[in-house]
Amino acid sequence: MTIFEAAFGFGLVSMSVIAIAAVGFTMQFGITNMINLAYGEVMVSSAYVAYSLNRAGVSIWIGMIAGGIFGAVFSFLLNRVVYAPFQRKGTSYLGMVIVSLAISLMIANILLPIVSYNSVSYAEHAGSIIRFGGVVLTVNQMIIIVLAVALMVGIHALLRYTRLGKAMRATAANPSLARNCGIPTQRVIDMVWLITGALCGVAGVVAALNSDSFAIASGGGFLITALAAAVLGGAGQPYGAMIGAVIIGLMTELTAAAWSAEYKEVVAFAILVLVMVLRPQGLLAKRGALAAAG
């Protein structure tokens, strides 16, 4: 097995983690017009919820469910208590970005005295080794990949084949028209925050599980990779975020193999900057939030 074959295997896991996070992030933006820079801190908070249960002897997979529930409730409350009131007052997009940045800093500083700066890791056996040619993965890594595929298929089915998904797409395209057509847009937006918050929470746990350790500072790294994948694929487009996750996940791991693992986040950020300069509309250039789901 060469180092690049190993990196490809790690890339499969990384793109799975990034896909879960990026799809949640881009759906939040696409439907609510909210660039939530506190997303990474919600991820790491959810990871700590799972860590607390894991320390008490609970399996990390049960902890992941708890992290997803925490992420859903926390995101819902953030919108209802903080973001929605500002949006109702007509706060500009830039103003909302500043608000979400302030919330991110507040979450980090509230967590700090509770969990400290120290890095922690889950107590979970990686499981046996599974080989696919030159690619070697652990059972836990395979579970992460299967979980990501299942969630992506679930999001596709939600957007394409359910009444809620159609209501989401209508709300994203034109909230006023959707409301006039009888769609309960506030209820739809509440469901969006619950669903994307759950994705955020699950992503935080699997990202922490995929790392050797994590800390409060990990929230920024989680956000950068999710944001890079979302922007690369096309802001507000879930399928674009999936494509972006594949590219970012593979590129960062292959670069780590060729160069240094310490620069993975730098590579993700560099890709984000290049996309913003060369193709700011992303790979899926079709206009309109969630347009690719139509």
C-alpha atoms as a PDB file:
ATOM      1  CA  MET A   1       0.000   0.000   0.000  1.00  0.00           C
ATOM      2  CA  THR A   2       1.445   3.384  -1.030  1.00  0.00           C
ATOM      3  CA  ILE A   3       1.018   6.589   0.938  1.00  0.00           C
ATOM      4  CA  PHE A   4      -1.335   7.930  -1.731  1.00  0.00           C
ATOM      5  CA  GLU A   5      -3.565   4.855  -1.518  1.00  0.00           C
ATOM      6  CA  ALA A   6      -3.778   5.396   2.217  1.00  0.00           C
ATOM      7  CA  ALA A   7      -4.518   9.088   1.632  1.00  0.00           C
ATOM      8  CA  PHE A   8      -7.308   8.156  -0.776  1.00  0.00           C
ATOM      9  CA  GLY A   9      -8.892   6.014   1.943  1.00  0.00           C
ATOM     10  CA  PHE A  10      -8.604   8.861   4.450  1.00  0.00           C
ATOM     11  CA  GLY A  11     -10.070  11.149   1.769  1.00  0.00           C
ATOM     12  CA  LEU A  12     -13.178   8.962   1.507  1.00  0.00           C
ATOM     13  CA  VAL A  13     -13.740   9.394   5.229  1.00  0.00           C
ATOM     14  CA  SER A  14     -12.958  13.125   5.183  1.00  0.00           C
ATOM     15  CA  MET A  15     -15.321  13.826   2.307  1.00  0.00           C
ATOM     16  CA  SER A  16     -18.050  11.916   4.151  1.00  0.00           C
ATOM     17  CA  VAL A  17     -17.601  14.059   7.259  1.00  0.00           C
ATOM     18  CA  ILE A  18     -17.429  17.277   5.230  1.00  0.00           C
ATOM     19  CA  ALA A  19     -20.512  16.337   3.190  1.00  0.00           C
ATOM     20  CA  ILE A  20     -22.673  15.987   6.303  1.00  0.00           C
ATOM     21  CA  ALA A  21     -21.488  19.370   7.620  1.00  0.00           C
ATOM     22  CA  ALA A  22     -21.559  21.219   4.289  1.00  0.00           C
ATOM     23  CA  VAL A  23     -25.057  20.097   3.286  1.00  0.00           C
ATOM     24  CA  GLY A  24     -26.454  21.323   6.609  1.00  0.00           C
ATOM     25  CA  PHE A  25     -24.616  24.637   6.290  1.00  0.00           C
ATOM     26  CA  THR A  26     -25.684  25.277   2.692  1.00  0.00           C
ATOM     27  CA  MET A  27     -29.328  24.344   3.390  1.00  0.00           C
ATOM     28  CA  GLN A  28     -29.410  26.869   6.218  1.00  0.00           C
ATOM     29  CA  PHE A  29     -28.195  29.567   3.868  1.00  0.00           C
ATOM     30  CA  GLY A  30     -30.293  28.474   0.897  1.00  0.00           C
ATOM     31  CA  ILE A  31     -33.606  28.476   2.736  1.00  0.00           C
ATOM     32  CA  THR A  32     -33.160  31.089   5.477  1.00  0.00           C
ATOM     33  CA  ASN A  33     -30.605  33.429   3.821  1.00  0.00           C
ATOM     34  CA  MET A  34     -28.511  33.105   6.970  1.00  0.00           C
ATOM     35  CA  ILE A  35     -24.730  32.709   6.806  1.00  0.00           C
ATOM     36  CA  ASN A  36     -24.327  31.034  10.179  1.00  0.00           C
ATOM     37  CA  LEU A  37     -20.707  31.456  11.249  1.00  0.00           C
ATOM     38  CA  ALA A  38     -21.571  29.852  14.587  1.00  0.00           C
ATOM     39  CA  TYR A  39     -22.021  26.551  12.723  1.00  0.00           C
ATOM     40  CA  GLY A  40     -18.545  25.298  13.643  1.00  0.00           C
ATOM     41  CA  GLU A  41     -19.086  26.072  17.326  1.00  0.00           C
ATOM     42  CA  VAL A  42     -22.396  24.177  17.295  1.00  0.00           C
ATOM     43  CA  MET A  43     -20.491  21.251  15.762  1.00  0.00           C
ATOM     44  CA  VAL A  44     -17.834  21.243  18.453  1.00  0.00           C
ATOM     45  CA  SER A  45     -20.450  21.747  21.209  1.00  0.00           C
ATOM     46  CA  SER A  46     -22.284  18.666  19.928  1.00  0.00           C
ATOM     47  CA  ALA A  47     -18.984  16.784  19.905  1.00  0.00           C
ATOM     48  CA  TYR A  48     -18.524  17.644  23.602  1.00  0.00           C
ATOM     49  CA  VAL A  49     -22.048  16.427  24.398  1.00  0.00           C
ATOM     50  CA  ALA A  50     -21.136  13.066  22.873  1.00  0.00           C
ATOM     51  CA  TYR A  51     -17.795  13.143  24.711  1.00  0.00           C
ATOM     52  CA  SER A  52     -19.531  13.640  28.076  1.00  0.00           C
ATOM     53  CA  LEU A  53     -21.715  10.590  27.443  1.00  0.00           C
ATOM     54  CA  ASN A  54     -18.759   8.608  26.124  1.00  0.00           C
ATOM     55  CA  ARG A  55     -16.804   9.307  29.315  1.00  0.00           C
ATOM     56  CA  ALA A  56     -19.760   7.933  31.271  1.00  0.00           C
ATOM     57  CA  GLY A  57     -19.423   4.641  29.392  1.00  0.00           C
ATOM     58  CA  VAL A  58     -21.955   5.256  26.610  1.00  0.00           C
ATOM     59  CA  SER A  59     -21.064   4.115  23.092  1.00  0.00           C
ATOM     60  CA  ILE A  60     -19.977   6.924  20.822  1.00  0.00           C
ATOM     61  CA  TRP A  61     -22.698   5.959  18.330  1.00  0.00           C
ATOM     62  CA  ILE A  62     -25.354   6.587  20.977  1.00  0.00           C
ATOM     63  CA  GLY A  63     -23.458   9.762  21.805  1.00  0.00           C
ATOM     64  CA  MET A  64     -23.669  10.733  18.128  1.00  0.00           C
ATOM     65  CA  ILE A  65     -27.469  10.539  18.281  1.00  0.00           C
ATOM     66  CA  ALA A  66     -27.414  12.724  21.405  1.00  0.00           C
ATOM     67  CA  GLY A  67     -25.071  15.141  19.631  1.00  0.00           C
ATOM     68  CA  GLY A  68     -27.465  15.313  16.674  1.00  0.00           C
ATOM     69  CA  ILE A  69     -30.424  16.028  18.967  1.00  0.00           C
ATOM     70  CA  PHE A  70     -28.415  18.686  20.815  1.00  0.00           C
ATOM     71  CA  GLY A  71     -27.365  20.305  17.511  1.00  0.00           C
ATOM     72  CA  ALA A  72     -30.979  20.362  16.308  1.00  0.00           C
ATOM     73  CA  VAL A  73     -32.357  21.955  19.488  1.00  0.00           C
ATOM     74  CA  PHE A  74     -29.436  24.372  19.873  1.00  0.00           C
ATOM     75  CA  SER A  75     -29.695  25.554  16.246  1.00  0.00           C
ATOM     76  CA  PHE A  76     -33.475  25.949  16.525  1.00  0.00           C
ATOM     77  CA  LEU A  77     -33.097  28.075  19.661  1.00  0.00           C
ATOM     78  CA  LEU A  78     -30.309  30.162  18.118  1.00  0.00           C
ATOM     79  CA  ASN A  79     -32.596  31.067  15.250  1.00  0.00           C
ATOM     80  CA  ARG A  80     -35.712  31.678  17.342  1.00  0.00           C
ATOM     81  CA  VAL A  81     -33.978  33.647  20.108  1.00  0.00           C
ATOM     82  CA  VAL A  82     -31.212  35.474  18.215  1.00  0.00           C
ATOM     83  CA  TYR A  83     -31.251  35.341  14.420  1.00  0.00           C
ATOM     84  CA  ALA A  84     -34.975  35.623  13.654  1.00  0.00           C
ATOM     85  CA  PRO A  85     -35.536  38.782  15.774  1.00  0.00           C
ATOM     86  CA  PHE A  86     -32.635  40.516  14.006  1.00  0.00           C
ATOM     87  CA  GLN A  87     -33.938  39.456  10.596  1.00  0.00           C
ATOM     88  CA  ARG A  88     -37.436  40.719  11.422  1.00  0.00           C
ATOM     89  CA  LYS A  89     -35.900  44.117  12.205  1.00  0.00           C
ATOM     90  CA  GLY A  90     -34.411  44.195   8.697  1.00  0.00           C
ATOM     91  CA  THR A  91     -30.777  43.659   9.682  1.00  0.00           C
ATOM     92  CA  SER A  92     -28.578  43.523   6.572  1.00  0.00           C
ATOM     93  CA  TYR A  93     -26.764  40.380   5.409  1.00  0.00           C
ATOM     94  CA  LEU A  94     -23.465  41.822   6.640  1.00  0.00           C
ATOM     95  CA  GLY A  95     -25.083  42.640   9.963  1.00  0.00           C
ATOM     96  CA  MET A  96     -26.334  39.056  10.296  1.00  0.00           C
ATOM     97  CA  VAL A  97     -22.843  37.742   9.536  1.00  0.00           C
ATOM     98  CA  ILE A  98     -21.479  39.914  12.355  1.00  0.00           C
ATOM     99  CA  VAL A  99     -24.236  38.690  14.691  1.00  0.00           C
ATOM    100  CA  SER A 100     -23.427  35.043  13.910  1.00  0.00           C
ATOM    101  CA  LEU A 101     -19.708  35.717  14.416  1.00  0.00           C
ATOM    102  CA  ALA A 102     -20.483  37.258  17.811  1.00  0.00           C
ATOM    103  CA  ILE A 103     -22.584  34.207  18.725  1.00  0.00           C
ATOM    104  CA  SER A 104     -19.701  31.952  17.683  1.00  0.00           C
ATOM    105  CA  LEU A 105     -17.310  33.785  20.002  1.00  0.00           C
ATOM    106  CA  MET A 106     -19.845  33.716  22.829  1.00  0.00           C
ATOM    107  CA  ILE A 107     -20.350  29.950  22.509  1.00  0.00           C
ATOM    108  CA  ALA A 108     -16.594  29.350  22.528  1.00  0.00           C
ATOM    109  CA  ASN A 109     -16.082  31.518  25.605  1.00  0.00           C
ATOM    110  CA  ILE A 110     -18.996  29.915  27.450  1.00  0.00           C
ATOM    111  CA  LEU A 111     -17.570  26.466  26.718  1.00  0.00           C
ATOM    112  CA  LEU A 112     -14.025  27.407  27.727  1.00  0.00           C
ATOM    113  CA  PRO A 113     -14.419  27.326  31.544  1.00  0.00           C
ATOM    114  CA  ILE A 114     -16.472  24.139  31.250  1.00  0.00           C
ATOM    115  CA  VAL A 115     -14.168  22.024  29.088  1.00  0.00           C
ATOM    116  CA  SER A 116     -10.855  24.006  29.193  1.00  0.00           C
ATOM    117  CA  TYR A 117      -8.366  24.393  26.342  1.00  0.00           C
ATOM    118  CA  ASN A 118      -7.139  20.802  26.592  1.00  0.00           C
ATOM    119  CA  SER A 119      -7.653  18.448  23.683  1.00  0.00           C
ATOM    120  CA  VAL A 120      -9.760  15.354  24.308  1.00  0.00           C
ATOM    121  CA  SER A 121     -10.578  12.201  22.368  1.00  0.00           C
ATOM    122  CA  TYR A 122     -13.300   9.579  22.392  1.00  0.00           C
ATOM    123  CA  ALA A 123     -12.791   6.211  24.089  1.00  0.00           C
ATOM    124  CA  GLU A 124     -13.904   4.027  21.211  1.00  0.00           C
ATOM    125  CA  HIS A 125     -12.145   1.067  19.656  1.00  0.00           C
ATOM    126  CA  ALA A 126     -11.517   1.647  15.949  1.00  0.00           C
ATOM    127  CA  GLY A 127     -12.626  -1.875  15.099  1.00  0.00           C
ATOM    128  CA  SER A 128     -11.055  -4.383  12.752  1.00  0.00           C
ATOM    129  CA  ILE A 129      -9.342  -3.481   9.501  1.00  0.00           C
ATOM    130  CA  ILE A 130     -11.145  -3.727   6.165  1.00  0.00           C
ATOM    131  CA  ARG A 131      -9.132  -3.810   2.935  1.00  0.00           C
ATOM    132  CA  PHE A 132     -10.282  -2.788  -0.547  1.00  0.00           C
ATOM    133  CA  GLY A 133      -7.272  -3.394  -2.757  1.00  0.00           C
ATOM    134  CA  GLY A 134      -4.694  -0.892  -1.541  1.00  0.00           C
ATOM    135  CA  VAL A 135      -7.221   1.083   0.535  1.00  0.00           C
ATOM    136  CA  VAL A 136      -7.367   0.212   4.234  1.00  0.00           C
ATOM    137  CA  LEU A 137     -10.204   1.417   6.465  1.00  0.00           C
ATOM    138  CA  THR A 138     -11.341   0.652   9.994  1.00  0.00           C
ATOM    139  CA  VAL A 139     -14.869  -0.451  10.846  1.00  0.00           C
ATOM    140  CA  ASN A 140     -15.569   2.957  12.401  1.00  0.00           C
ATOM    141  CA  GLN A 141     -14.451   4.707   9.220  1.00  0.00           C
ATOM    142  CA  MET A 142     -16.696   2.473   7.133  1.00  0.00           C
ATOM    143  CA  ILE A 143     -19.610   3.312   9.420  1.00  0.00           C
ATOM    144  CA  ILE A 144     -18.944   7.032   8.880  1.00  0.00           C
ATOM    145  CA  ILE A 145     -18.929   6.571   5.091  1.00  0.00           C
ATOM    146  CA  VAL A 146     -22.138   4.512   5.119  1.00  0.00           C
ATOM    147  CA  LEU A 147     -23.771   7.034   7.465  1.00  0.00           C
ATOM    148  CA  ALA A 148     -22.866   9.930   5.151  1.00  0.00           C
ATOM    149  CA  VAL A 149     -24.245   8.119   2.095  1.00  0.00           C
ATOM    150  CA  ALA A 150     -27.462   7.311   3.955  1.00  0.00           C
ATOM    151  CA  LEU A 151     -27.895  10.928   5.071  1.00  0.00           C
ATOM    152  CA  MET A 152     -27.240  12.278   1.566  1.00  0.00           C
ATOM    153  CA  VAL A 153     -29.816   9.875   0.101  1.00  0.00           C
ATOM    154  CA  GLY A 154     -32.224  10.930   2.842  1.00  0.00           C
ATOM    155  CA  ILE A 155     -31.736  14.641   2.061  1.00  0.00           C
ATOM    156  CA  HIS A 156     -32.288  13.930  -1.647  1.00  0.00           C
ATOM    157  CA  ALA A 157     -35.521  12.071  -0.888  1.00  0.00           C
ATOM    158  CA  LEU A 158     -36.674  14.835   1.465  1.00  0.00           C
ATOM    159  CA  LEU A 159     -36.156  17.597  -1.089  1.00  0.00           C
ATOM    160  CA  ARG A 160     -37.512  15.754  -4.102  1.00  0.00           C
ATOM    161  CA  TYR A 161     -40.353  13.567  -2.873  1.00  0.00           C
ATOM    162  CA  THR A 162     -41.915  15.026   0.289  1.00  0.00           C
ATOM    163  CA  ARG A 163     -44.344  17.887   0.906  1.00  0.00           C
ATOM    164  CA  LEU A 164     -41.914  19.388   3.391  1.00  0.00           C
ATOM    165  CA  GLY A 165     -39.124  19.311   0.793  1.00  0.00           C
ATOM    166  CA  LYS A 166     -41.303  21.037  -1.783  1.00  0.00           C
ATOM    167  CA  ALA A 167     -42.286  23.634   0.816  1.00  0.00           C
ATOM    168  CA  MET A 168     -38.594  24.177   1.600  1.00  0.00           C
ATOM    169  CA  ARG A 169     -37.794  24.749  -2.065  1.00  0.00           C
ATOM    170  CA  ALA A 170     -40.726  27.143  -2.449  1.00  0.00           C
ATOM    171  CA  THR A 171     -39.710  29.069   0.671  1.00  0.00           C
ATOM    172  CA  ALA A 172     -36.122  29.283  -0.580  1.00  0.00           C
ATOM    173  CA  ALA A 173     -37.180  30.537  -4.007  1.00  0.00           C
ATOM    174  CA  ASN A 174     -39.688  33.185  -2.874  1.00  0.00           C
ATOM    175  CA  PRO A 175     -40.796  33.335   0.780  1.00  0.00           C
ATOM    176  CA  SER A 176     -43.520  35.933   0.187  1.00  0.00           C
ATOM    177  CA  LEU A 177     -45.080  34.026  -2.698  1.00  0.00           C
ATOM    178  CA  ALA A 178     -44.855  30.761  -0.754  1.00  0.00           C
ATOM    179  CA  ARG A 179     -46.631  32.398   2.197  1.00  0.00           C
ATOM    180  CA  ASN A 180     -49.351  33.790  -0.064  1.00  0.00           C
ATOM    181  CA  CYS A 181     -49.854  30.309  -1.515  1.00  0.00           C
ATOM    182  CA  GLY A 182     -50.663  28.965   1.930  1.00  0.00           C
ATOM    183  CA  ILE A 183     -47.287  27.480   2.840  1.00  0.00           C
ATOM    184  CA  PRO A 184     -46.574  27.970   6.572  1.00  0.00           C
ATOM    185  CA  THR A 185     -43.120  29.436   5.959  1.00  0.00           C
ATOM    186  CA  GLN A 186     -42.320  29.980   9.647  1.00  0.00           C
ATOM    187  CA  ARG A 187     -42.988  26.327  10.382  1.00  0.00           C
ATOM    188  CA  VAL A 188     -40.897  25.343   7.363  1.00  0.00           C
ATOM    189  CA  ILE A 189     -38.001  27.507   8.571  1.00  0.00           C
ATOM    190  CA  ASP A 190     -38.262  25.956  12.053  1.00  0.00           C
ATOM    191  CA  MET A 191     -38.019  22.490  10.479  1.00  0.00           C
ATOM    192  CA  VAL A 192     -35.029  23.620   8.410  1.00  0.00           C
ATOM    193  CA  TRP A 193     -33.153  24.693  11.531  1.00  0.00           C
ATOM    194  CA  LEU A 194     -33.997  21.429  13.282  1.00  0.00           C
ATOM    195  CA  ILE A 195     -32.907  19.273  10.318  1.00  0.00           C
ATOM    196  CA  THR A 196     -29.754  21.232   9.514  1.00  0.00           C
ATOM    197  CA  GLY A 197     -28.924  21.496  13.211  1.00  0.00           C
ATOM    198  CA  ALA A 198     -29.147  17.712  13.492  1.00  0.00           C
ATOM    199  CA  LEU A 199     -26.792  17.379  10.517  1.00  0.00           C
ATOM    200  CA  CYS A 200     -24.474  19.889  12.189  1.00  0.00           C
ATOM    201  CA  GLY A 201     -24.488  17.930  15.451  1.00  0.00           C
ATOM    202  CA  VAL A 202     -23.857  14.575  13.776  1.00  0.00           C
ATOM    203  CA  ALA A 203     -21.101  16.150  11.659  1.00  0.00           C
ATOM    204  CA  GLY A 204     -19.427  17.510  14.786  1.00  0.00           C
ATOM    205  CA  VAL A 205     -19.340  14.087  16.423  1.00  0.00           C
ATOM    206  CA  VAL A 206     -18.053  12.203  13.366  1.00  0.00           C
ATOM    207  CA  ALA A 207     -15.492  14.947  12.666  1.00  0.00           C
ATOM    208  CA  ALA A 208     -14.211  14.637  16.225  1.00  0.00           C
ATOM    209  CA  LEU A 209     -14.243  10.840  15.963  1.00  0.00           C
ATOM    210  CA  ASN A 210     -12.262  11.005  12.721  1.00  0.00           C
ATOM    211  CA  SER A 211      -9.640  13.200  14.419  1.00  0.00           C
ATOM    212  CA  ASP A 212      -7.091  11.979  16.907  1.00  0.00           C
ATOM    213  CA  SER A 213      -8.379  14.631  19.309  1.00  0.00           C
ATOM    214  CA  PHE A 214     -10.445  17.794  19.355  1.00  0.00           C
ATOM    215  CA  ALA A 215     -10.763  20.969  21.398  1.00  0.00           C
ATOM    216  CA  ILE A 216     -12.714  24.229  21.436  1.00  0.00           C
ATOM    217  CA  ALA A 217     -10.393  25.597  18.758  1.00  0.00           C
ATOM    218  CA  SER A 218     -11.486  22.788  16.414  1.00  0.00           C
ATOM    219  CA  GLY A 219     -14.716  24.655  15.674  1.00  0.00           C
ATOM    220  CA  GLY A 220     -12.926  27.053  13.341  1.00  0.00           C
ATOM    221  CA  GLY A 221     -11.428  24.197  11.322  1.00  0.00           C
ATOM    222  CA  PHE A 222     -14.778  22.449  11.096  1.00  0.00           C
ATOM    223  CA  LEU A 223     -16.363  25.650   9.778  1.00  0.00           C
ATOM    224  CA  ILE A 224     -13.665  26.319   7.181  1.00  0.00           C
ATOM    225  CA  THR A 225     -13.959  22.905   5.531  1.00  0.00           C
ATOM    226  CA  ALA A 226     -17.779  23.004   5.528  1.00  0.00           C
ATOM    227  CA  LEU A 227     -17.782  26.551   4.180  1.00  0.00           C
ATOM    228  CA  ALA A 228     -15.206  25.699   1.502  1.00  0.00           C
ATOM    229  CA  ALA A 229     -17.262  22.722   0.280  1.00  0.00           C
ATOM    230  CA  ALA A 230     -20.497  24.733   0.314  1.00  0.00           C
ATOM    231  CA  VAL A 231     -18.995  27.643  -1.635  1.00  0.00           C
ATOM    232  CA  LEU A 232     -17.184  25.359  -4.074  1.00  0.00           C
ATOM    233  CA  GLY A 233     -20.399  23.538  -4.925  1.00  0.00           C
ATOM    234  CA  GLY A 234     -22.537  26.672  -5.071  1.00  0.00           C
ATOM    235  CA  ALA A 235     -23.965  28.499  -2.076  1.00  0.00           C
ATOM    236  CA  GLY A 236     -27.413  27.248  -1.109  1.00  0.00           C
ATOM    237  CA  GLN A 237     -27.249  24.086  -3.221  1.00  0.00           C
ATOM    238  CA  PRO A 238     -27.127  20.753  -1.346  1.00  0.00           C
ATOM    239  CA  TYR A 239     -25.958  18.718  -4.334  1.00  0.00           C
ATOM    240  CA  GLY A 240     -23.214  21.238  -4.946  1.00  0.00           C
ATOM    241  CA  ALA A 241     -22.127  20.873  -1.319  1.00  0.00           C
ATOM    242  CA  MET A 242     -21.888  17.103  -1.824  1.00  0.00           C
ATOM    243  CA  ILE A 243     -19.668  17.595  -4.882  1.00  0.00           C
ATOM    244  CA  GLY A 244     -17.609  20.192  -3.031  1.00  0.00           C
ATOM    245  CA  ALA A 245     -17.145  17.782  -0.114  1.00  0.00           C
ATOM    246  CA  VAL A 246     -15.759  15.114  -2.455  1.00  0.00           C
ATOM    247  CA  ILE A 247     -13.231  17.559  -3.923  1.00  0.00           C
ATOM    248  CA  ILE A 248     -12.211  19.164  -0.621  1.00  0.00           C
ATOM    249  CA  GLY A 249     -11.998  15.836   1.207  1.00  0.00           C
ATOM    250  CA  LEU A 250      -9.789  14.184  -1.399  1.00  0.00           C
ATOM    251  CA  MET A 251      -7.651  17.266  -2.065  1.00  0.00           C
ATOM    252  CA  THR A 252      -6.850  17.903   1.594  1.00  0.00           C
ATOM    253  CA  GLU A 253      -5.865  14.284   2.294  1.00  0.00           C
ATOM    254  CA  LEU A 254      -3.817  13.862  -0.887  1.00  0.00           C
ATOM    255  CA  THR A 255      -2.083  17.168  -0.172  1.00  0.00           C
ATOM    256  CA  ALA A 256      -1.373  15.983   3.369  1.00  0.00           C
ATOM    257  CA  ALA A 257       0.246  12.847   1.941  1.00  0.00           C
ATOM    258  CA  ALA A 258       2.351  14.808  -0.538  1.00  0.00           C
ATOM    259  CA  TRP A 259       3.180  17.700   1.739  1.00  0.00           C
ATOM    260  CA  SER A 260       2.184  17.833   5.413  1.00  0.00           C
ATOM    261  CA  ALA A 261      -0.934  16.986   7.419  1.00  0.00           C
ATOM    262  CA  GLU A 262      -0.571  20.307   9.241  1.00  0.00           C
ATOM    263  CA  TYR A 263      -1.625  22.179   6.107  1.00  0.00           C
ATOM    264  CA  LYS A 264      -4.961  20.449   5.438  1.00  0.00           C
ATOM    265  CA  GLU A 265      -7.004  23.408   6.682  1.00  0.00           C
ATOM    266  CA  VAL A 266      -4.753  25.758   4.726  1.00  0.00           C
ATOM    267  CA  VAL A 267      -5.532  23.812   1.548  1.00  0.00           C
ATOM    268  CA  ALA A 268      -9.272  24.000   2.249  1.00  0.00           C
ATOM    269  CA  PHE A 269      -9.025  27.741   2.838  1.00  0.00           C
ATOM    270  CA  ALA A 270      -6.909  28.209  -0.301  1.00  0.00           C
ATOM    271  CA  ILE A 271      -9.528  26.366  -2.377  1.00  0.00           C
ATOM    272  CA  LEU A 272     -12.213  28.599  -0.859  1.00  0.00           C
ATOM    273  CA  VAL A 273     -10.291  31.750  -1.808  1.00  0.00           C
ATOM    274  CA  LEU A 274      -9.605  30.508  -5.358  1.00  0.00           C
ATOM    275  CA  VAL A 275     -13.265  29.672  -5.903  1.00  0.00           C
ATOM    276  CA  MET A 276     -14.344  33.096  -4.648  1.00  0.00           C
ATOM    277  CA  VAL A 277     -11.921  34.740  -7.084  1.00  0.00           C
ATOM    278  CA  LEU A 278     -12.334  32.519 -10.170  1.00  0.00           C
ATOM    279  CA  ARG A 279     -15.902  31.187  -9.902  1.00  0.00           C
ATOM    280  CA  PRO A 280     -17.819  32.812  -7.041  1.00  0.00           C
ATOM    281  CA  GLN A 281     -21.112  31.199  -8.130  1.00  0.00           C
ATOM    282  CA  GLY A 282     -19.637  27.733  -7.479  1.00  0.00           C
ATOM    283  CA  LEU A 283     -19.600  24.619  -9.640  1.00  0.00           C
ATOM    284  CA  LEU A 284     -23.387  24.450  -9.915  1.00  0.00           C
ATOM    285  CA  ALA A 285     -24.030  27.871 -11.366  1.00  0.00           C
ATOM    286  CA  LYS A 286     -27.817  27.547 -11.634  1.00  0.00           C
ATOM    287  CA  ARG A 287     -29.299  30.471  -9.755  1.00  0.00           C
ATOM    288  CA  GLY A 288     -31.667  30.172  -6.830  1.00  0.00           C
ATOM    289  CA  ALA A 289     -31.327  28.438  -3.519  1.00  0.00           C
ATOM    290  CA  LEU A 290     -31.886  24.713  -3.753  1.00  0.00           C
ATOM    291  CA  ALA A 291     -32.373  25.102  -7.517  1.00  0.00           C
ATOM    292  CA  ALA A 292     -30.426  21.935  -8.132  1.00  0.00           C
ATOM    293  CA  ALA A 293     -32.987  20.001  -6.155  1.00  0.00           C
ATOM    294  CA  GLY A 294     -35.804  21.024  -8.464  1.00  0.00           C
END
